Amino acid sequence: MKTHEFKITLTFADNVKGEEAIREMVEKIADALKHECESGNGLAPESSETYTEEIEVIHTKTKTRETSYP
């Protein structure tokens, strides 16, 4: 298994505060990526034979973490 790490920056119209709000965002990002793997085009390049085995989303400041297995 080969792991690749990406940085994603989200900008919201209003301020988002609190541990619960951050936890919800982390879960939604992981769910969106898992959904793409299960019912969309997937995350791996189309020219490859590989597929996504694990998705891990971590909020860099709070270290809030969500792991998903498509």
C-alpha atoms as a PDB file:
ATOM      1  CA  MET A   1       0.000   0.000   0.000  1.00  0.00           C
ATOM      2  CA  LYS A   2       1.319   3.428  -0.927  1.00  0.00           C
ATOM      3  CA  THR A   3       0.240   6.463   1.108  1.00  0.00           C
ATOM      4  CA  HIS A   4      -0.074   9.985  -0.278  1.00  0.00           C
ATOM      5  CA  GLU A   5      -0.720  13.001   1.912  1.00  0.00           C
ATOM      6  CA  PHE A   6      -2.627  16.047   0.625  1.00  0.00           C
ATOM      7  CA  LYS A   7      -3.377  19.389   2.233  1.00  0.00           C
ATOM      8  CA  ILE A   8      -6.910  20.742   1.716  1.00  0.00           C
ATOM      9  CA  THR A   9      -7.848  24.268   2.789  1.00  0.00           C
ATOM     10  CA  LEU A  10     -11.509  25.179   3.297  1.00  0.00           C
ATOM     11  CA  THR A  11     -12.680  28.813   3.501  1.00  0.00           C
ATOM     12  CA  PHE A  12     -16.127  29.554   4.941  1.00  0.00           C
ATOM     13  CA  ALA A  13     -18.200  32.743   4.685  1.00  0.00           C
ATOM     14  CA  ASP A  14     -18.546  32.928   8.481  1.00  0.00           C
ATOM     15  CA  ASN A  15     -16.369  31.870  11.397  1.00  0.00           C
ATOM     16  CA  VAL A  16     -16.663  28.219  12.461  1.00  0.00           C
ATOM     17  CA  LYS A  17     -15.769  27.602  16.104  1.00  0.00           C
ATOM     18  CA  GLY A  18     -15.806  24.811  18.598  1.00  0.00           C
ATOM     19  CA  GLU A  19     -14.635  21.229  18.859  1.00  0.00           C
ATOM     20  CA  GLU A  20     -18.039  19.837  17.844  1.00  0.00           C
ATOM     21  CA  ALA A  21     -18.158  21.937  14.660  1.00  0.00           C
ATOM     22  CA  ILE A  22     -14.628  20.843  13.728  1.00  0.00           C
ATOM     23  CA  ARG A  23     -15.496  17.183  14.405  1.00  0.00           C
ATOM     24  CA  GLU A  24     -18.540  17.526  12.112  1.00  0.00           C
ATOM     25  CA  MET A  25     -16.435  19.032   9.303  1.00  0.00           C
ATOM     26  CA  VAL A  26     -13.815  16.268   9.597  1.00  0.00           C
ATOM     27  CA  GLU A  27     -16.560  13.626   9.396  1.00  0.00           C
ATOM     28  CA  LYS A  28     -18.200  15.309   6.390  1.00  0.00           C
ATOM     29  CA  ILE A  29     -14.915  15.504   4.478  1.00  0.00           C
ATOM     30  CA  ALA A  30     -14.201  11.809   5.128  1.00  0.00           C
ATOM     31  CA  ASP A  31     -17.785  10.892   4.174  1.00  0.00           C
ATOM     32  CA  ALA A  32     -17.579  12.887   0.921  1.00  0.00           C
ATOM     33  CA  LEU A  33     -14.345  11.153  -0.099  1.00  0.00           C
ATOM     34  CA  LYS A  34     -15.720   7.727   0.867  1.00  0.00           C
ATOM     35  CA  HIS A  35     -18.886   8.402  -1.137  1.00  0.00           C
ATOM     36  CA  GLU A  36     -16.806   9.298  -4.199  1.00  0.00           C
ATOM     37  CA  CYS A  37     -14.907   6.016  -3.856  1.00  0.00           C
ATOM     38  CA  GLU A  38     -18.065   3.932  -3.470  1.00  0.00           C
ATOM     39  CA  SER A  39     -20.375   5.518  -6.030  1.00  0.00           C
ATOM     40  CA  GLY A  40     -18.366   7.932  -8.139  1.00  0.00           C
ATOM     41  CA  ASN A  41     -15.171   7.851 -10.120  1.00  0.00           C
ATOM     42  CA  GLY A  42     -12.988   7.023  -7.130  1.00  0.00           C
ATOM     43  CA  LEU A  43      -9.819   8.838  -6.115  1.00  0.00           C
ATOM     44  CA  ALA A  44      -7.152   6.798  -7.904  1.00  0.00           C
ATOM     45  CA  PRO A  45      -6.058   7.768 -11.417  1.00  0.00           C
ATOM     46  CA  GLU A  46      -8.237   6.183 -14.096  1.00  0.00           C
ATOM     47  CA  SER A  47      -5.168   4.821 -15.888  1.00  0.00           C
ATOM     48  CA  SER A  48      -4.171   2.713 -12.869  1.00  0.00           C
ATOM     49  CA  GLU A  49      -5.486  -0.610 -11.578  1.00  0.00           C
ATOM     50  CA  THR A  50      -5.359   0.509  -7.945  1.00  0.00           C
ATOM     51  CA  TYR A  51      -8.118   1.663  -5.619  1.00  0.00           C
ATOM     52  CA  THR A  52      -8.429   3.571  -2.339  1.00  0.00           C
ATOM     53  CA  GLU A  53      -8.114   1.369   0.758  1.00  0.00           C
ATOM     54  CA  GLU A  54      -8.201   3.983   3.521  1.00  0.00           C
ATOM     55  CA  ILE A  55      -9.072   7.651   3.930  1.00  0.00           C
ATOM     56  CA  GLU A  56      -7.833   9.573   6.955  1.00  0.00           C
ATOM     57  CA  VAL A  57      -8.824  13.190   7.599  1.00  0.00           C
ATOM     58  CA  ILE A  58      -7.016  15.169  10.333  1.00  0.00           C
ATOM     59  CA  HIS A  59      -7.719  18.740  11.411  1.00  0.00           C
ATOM     60  CA  THR A  60      -4.204  20.149  11.742  1.00  0.00           C
ATOM     61  CA  LYS A  61      -4.817  22.450  14.725  1.00  0.00           C
ATOM     62  CA  THR A  62      -6.962  20.231  16.945  1.00  0.00           C
ATOM     63  CA  LYS A  63      -5.692  16.875  15.633  1.00  0.00           C
ATOM     64  CA  THR A  64      -9.324  15.753  15.276  1.00  0.00           C
ATOM     65  CA  ARG A  65      -9.159  12.580  13.207  1.00  0.00           C
ATOM     66  CA  GLU A  66     -11.576  10.469  11.129  1.00  0.00           C
ATOM     67  CA  THR A  67     -10.627   7.259   9.323  1.00  0.00           C
ATOM     68  CA  SER A  68     -12.837   5.740   6.667  1.00  0.00           C
ATOM     69  CA  TYR A  69     -12.583   2.490   4.716  1.00  0.00           C
ATOM     70  CA  PRO A  70     -14.394   2.605   1.356  1.00  0.00           C
END
